[in-house]
């Protein structure tokens, strides 16, 4: 076993004498923002279709290679 040190450990937490102030806005002053996801993320559909095609193609290649190798 390692020898224990007699040094006292210093506390890493510091106390503050200032009161904590809330920075959140009240719920009544927030405005509702509507987002049209079809316009914002129009490219996602094409990317998902491309990934689906690649996944099916790779699965078919692996299936075919299972008979060859």
N, C-alpha and C. Protein backbone atom coordinates (compact mmCIF):
# COMPACT_ATOMS: atom_id res chain seq x y z
N UNK A 1 0.83 -1.18 0.00
CA UNK A 1 0.00 0.00 0.00
C UNK A 1 0.87 1.25 0.00
N UNK A 2 0.37 2.26 -0.64
CA UNK A 2 1.10 3.52 -0.69
C UNK A 2 0.95 4.27 0.62
N UNK A 3 1.98 5.00 0.97
CA UNK A 3 1.96 5.77 2.21
C UNK A 3 1.08 7.00 2.03
N UNK A 4 0.25 7.25 3.00
CA UNK A 4 -0.64 8.40 2.92
C UNK A 4 0.09 9.67 3.27
N UNK A 5 -0.25 10.72 2.58
CA UNK A 5 0.36 12.02 2.83
C UNK A 5 -0.39 12.73 3.94
N UNK A 6 0.31 13.51 4.72
CA UNK A 6 -0.31 14.25 5.82
C UNK A 6 -0.81 15.62 5.36
N UNK A 7 -0.57 15.97 4.11
CA UNK A 7 -1.02 17.27 3.61
C UNK A 7 -2.54 17.28 3.50
N UNK A 8 -3.12 18.37 3.90
CA UNK A 8 -4.57 18.48 3.76
C UNK A 8 -4.89 18.92 2.34
N UNK A 9 -5.95 18.37 1.83
CA UNK A 9 -6.35 18.71 0.46
C UNK A 9 -7.16 19.99 0.48
N UNK A 10 -6.89 20.83 -0.51
CA UNK A 10 -7.64 22.08 -0.62
C UNK A 10 -8.94 21.82 -1.35
N UNK A 11 -9.97 22.48 -0.94
CA UNK A 11 -11.26 22.35 -1.59
C UNK A 11 -11.22 23.07 -2.92
N UNK A 12 -11.77 22.43 -3.95
CA UNK A 12 -11.76 23.05 -5.27
C UNK A 12 -13.01 23.89 -5.52
N UNK A 13 -14.01 23.77 -4.66
CA UNK A 13 -15.21 24.57 -4.85
C UNK A 13 -15.03 25.92 -4.20
N UNK A 14 -15.49 26.93 -4.87
CA UNK A 14 -15.39 28.29 -4.36
C UNK A 14 -16.79 28.82 -4.11
N UNK A 15 -16.93 29.52 -3.04
CA UNK A 15 -18.23 30.12 -2.74
C UNK A 15 -18.22 31.56 -3.18
N UNK A 16 -19.35 31.99 -3.67
CA UNK A 16 -19.49 33.36 -4.14
C UNK A 16 -20.44 34.11 -3.21
N UNK A 17 -20.11 35.36 -2.93
CA UNK A 17 -20.97 36.15 -2.06
C UNK A 17 -22.07 36.85 -2.85
N UNK A 18 -22.02 36.77 -4.18
CA UNK A 18 -23.04 37.41 -5.00
C UNK A 18 -24.25 36.50 -5.15
N UNK A 19 -25.44 37.05 -5.16
CA UNK A 19 -26.62 36.22 -5.40
C UNK A 19 -26.71 35.83 -6.87
N UNK A 20 -27.29 34.70 -7.14
CA UNK A 20 -27.44 34.21 -8.50
C UNK A 20 -28.63 34.91 -9.15
N UNK A 21 -28.41 35.44 -10.36
CA UNK A 21 -29.47 36.14 -11.07
C UNK A 21 -29.96 35.27 -12.22
N UNK A 22 -31.25 35.27 -12.44
CA UNK A 22 -31.84 34.50 -13.52
C UNK A 22 -31.66 35.26 -14.83
N UNK A 23 -31.25 34.53 -15.87
CA UNK A 23 -31.05 35.16 -17.17
C UNK A 23 -32.08 34.71 -18.19
N UNK A 24 -32.97 33.81 -17.81
CA UNK A 24 -33.99 33.32 -18.74
C UNK A 24 -35.08 34.37 -18.94
N UNK A 25 -35.57 34.44 -20.18
CA UNK A 25 -36.65 35.37 -20.47
C UNK A 25 -37.98 34.79 -20.02
N UNK A 26 -38.91 35.61 -19.66
CA UNK A 26 -40.23 35.09 -19.31
C UNK A 26 -40.89 34.44 -20.53
N UNK A 27 -41.73 33.46 -20.29
CA UNK A 27 -42.35 32.71 -21.38
C UNK A 27 -43.30 33.57 -22.21
N UNK A 28 -43.88 34.59 -21.63
CA UNK A 28 -44.85 35.41 -22.34
C UNK A 28 -44.19 36.26 -23.43
N UNK A 29 -42.92 36.61 -23.28
CA UNK A 29 -42.28 37.49 -24.24
C UNK A 29 -41.67 36.74 -25.43
N UNK A 30 -41.68 35.42 -25.40
CA UNK A 30 -41.11 34.65 -26.50
C UNK A 30 -42.10 34.60 -27.66
N UNK A 31 -41.57 34.63 -28.87
CA UNK A 31 -42.42 34.57 -30.06
C UNK A 31 -42.34 33.18 -30.68
N UNK A 32 -43.41 32.74 -31.28
CA UNK A 32 -43.45 31.45 -31.95
C UNK A 32 -42.89 31.62 -33.36
N UNK A 33 -41.95 30.76 -33.70
CA UNK A 33 -41.36 30.78 -35.03
C UNK A 33 -41.74 29.48 -35.71
N UNK A 34 -42.39 29.59 -36.85
CA UNK A 34 -42.75 28.40 -37.60
C UNK A 34 -41.70 28.16 -38.68
N UNK A 35 -41.27 26.93 -38.79
CA UNK A 35 -40.24 26.57 -39.75
C UNK A 35 -40.84 25.59 -40.75
N UNK A 36 -40.64 25.88 -42.02
CA UNK A 36 -41.09 24.97 -43.07
C UNK A 36 -39.92 24.03 -43.38
N UNK A 37 -40.00 22.82 -42.82
CA UNK A 37 -38.90 21.89 -42.95
C UNK A 37 -38.71 21.41 -44.38
N UNK A 38 -39.76 21.41 -45.17
CA UNK A 38 -39.63 21.00 -46.57
C UNK A 38 -38.72 21.96 -47.34
N UNK A 39 -38.78 23.23 -47.01
CA UNK A 39 -37.92 24.22 -47.67
C UNK A 39 -36.52 24.23 -47.07
N UNK A 40 -36.43 24.03 -45.76
CA UNK A 40 -35.14 24.11 -45.08
C UNK A 40 -34.26 22.89 -45.38
N UNK A 41 -34.87 21.71 -45.47
CA UNK A 41 -34.11 20.47 -45.61
C UNK A 41 -34.50 19.72 -46.88
N UNK A 42 -34.58 20.41 -47.98
CA UNK A 42 -34.98 19.79 -49.24
C UNK A 42 -33.95 18.77 -49.72
N UNK A 43 -32.70 18.92 -49.37
CA UNK A 43 -31.64 18.05 -49.83
C UNK A 43 -31.59 16.73 -49.07
N UNK A 44 -32.23 16.65 -47.94
CA UNK A 44 -32.17 15.44 -47.10
C UNK A 44 -32.86 14.27 -47.80
N UNK A 45 -33.97 14.51 -48.47
CA UNK A 45 -34.68 13.44 -49.17
C UNK A 45 -33.78 12.78 -50.22
N UNK A 46 -33.06 13.60 -50.98
CA UNK A 46 -32.17 13.04 -52.00
C UNK A 46 -31.02 12.26 -51.36
N UNK A 47 -30.48 12.76 -50.26
CA UNK A 47 -29.40 12.05 -49.58
C UNK A 47 -29.87 10.73 -49.01
N UNK A 48 -31.07 10.71 -48.43
CA UNK A 48 -31.60 9.47 -47.87
C UNK A 48 -31.87 8.45 -48.97
N UNK A 49 -32.37 8.89 -50.11
CA UNK A 49 -32.61 7.98 -51.23
C UNK A 49 -31.29 7.39 -51.73
N UNK A 50 -30.26 8.24 -51.82
CA UNK A 50 -28.94 7.77 -52.27
C UNK A 50 -28.37 6.74 -51.29
N UNK A 51 -28.49 7.00 -50.00
CA UNK A 51 -27.99 6.05 -49.00
C UNK A 51 -28.76 4.73 -49.06
N UNK A 52 -30.06 4.78 -49.30
CA UNK A 52 -30.86 3.56 -49.42
C UNK A 52 -30.40 2.74 -50.62
N UNK A 53 -30.18 3.39 -51.74
CA UNK A 53 -29.72 2.69 -52.94
C UNK A 53 -28.36 2.04 -52.70
N UNK A 54 -27.44 2.78 -52.07
CA UNK A 54 -26.12 2.23 -51.79
C UNK A 54 -26.19 1.07 -50.81
N UNK A 55 -27.06 1.16 -49.82
CA UNK A 55 -27.20 0.08 -48.84
C UNK A 55 -27.72 -1.19 -49.49
N UNK A 56 -28.74 -1.05 -50.32
CA UNK A 56 -29.29 -2.22 -51.01
C UNK A 56 -28.25 -2.81 -51.96
N UNK A 57 -27.53 -1.96 -52.66
CA UNK A 57 -26.50 -2.43 -53.58
C UNK A 57 -25.40 -3.19 -52.83
N UNK A 58 -24.94 -2.65 -51.72
CA UNK A 58 -23.89 -3.31 -50.94
C UNK A 58 -24.38 -4.63 -50.35
N UNK A 59 -25.63 -4.68 -49.91
CA UNK A 59 -26.19 -5.92 -49.38
C UNK A 59 -26.26 -6.98 -50.47
N UNK A 60 -26.65 -6.59 -51.67
CA UNK A 60 -26.69 -7.54 -52.79
C UNK A 60 -25.30 -8.03 -53.17
N UNK A 61 -24.32 -7.15 -53.13
CA UNK A 61 -22.95 -7.56 -53.43
C UNK A 61 -22.45 -8.53 -52.38
N UNK A 62 -22.72 -8.26 -51.11
CA UNK A 62 -22.29 -9.18 -50.04
C UNK A 62 -23.00 -10.52 -50.16
N UNK A 63 -24.28 -10.50 -50.51
CA UNK A 63 -25.03 -11.73 -50.71
C UNK A 63 -24.43 -12.53 -51.85
N UNK A 64 -24.11 -11.87 -52.93
CA UNK A 64 -23.51 -12.56 -54.09
C UNK A 64 -22.12 -13.09 -53.77
N UNK A 65 -21.34 -12.33 -53.02
CA UNK A 65 -20.00 -12.80 -52.66
C UNK A 65 -20.01 -13.97 -51.69
N UNK A 66 -21.09 -14.10 -50.93
CA UNK A 66 -21.16 -15.23 -50.00
C UNK A 66 -21.21 -16.56 -50.73
N UNK A 67 -21.70 -16.56 -51.97
CA UNK A 67 -21.72 -17.80 -52.75
C UNK A 67 -20.40 -18.02 -53.48
N UNK A 68 -19.70 -16.95 -53.80
CA UNK A 68 -18.47 -17.06 -54.58
C UNK A 68 -17.31 -17.41 -53.67
N UNK A 69 -17.21 -16.80 -52.54
CA UNK A 69 -16.05 -17.03 -51.67
C UNK A 69 -16.24 -18.13 -50.70
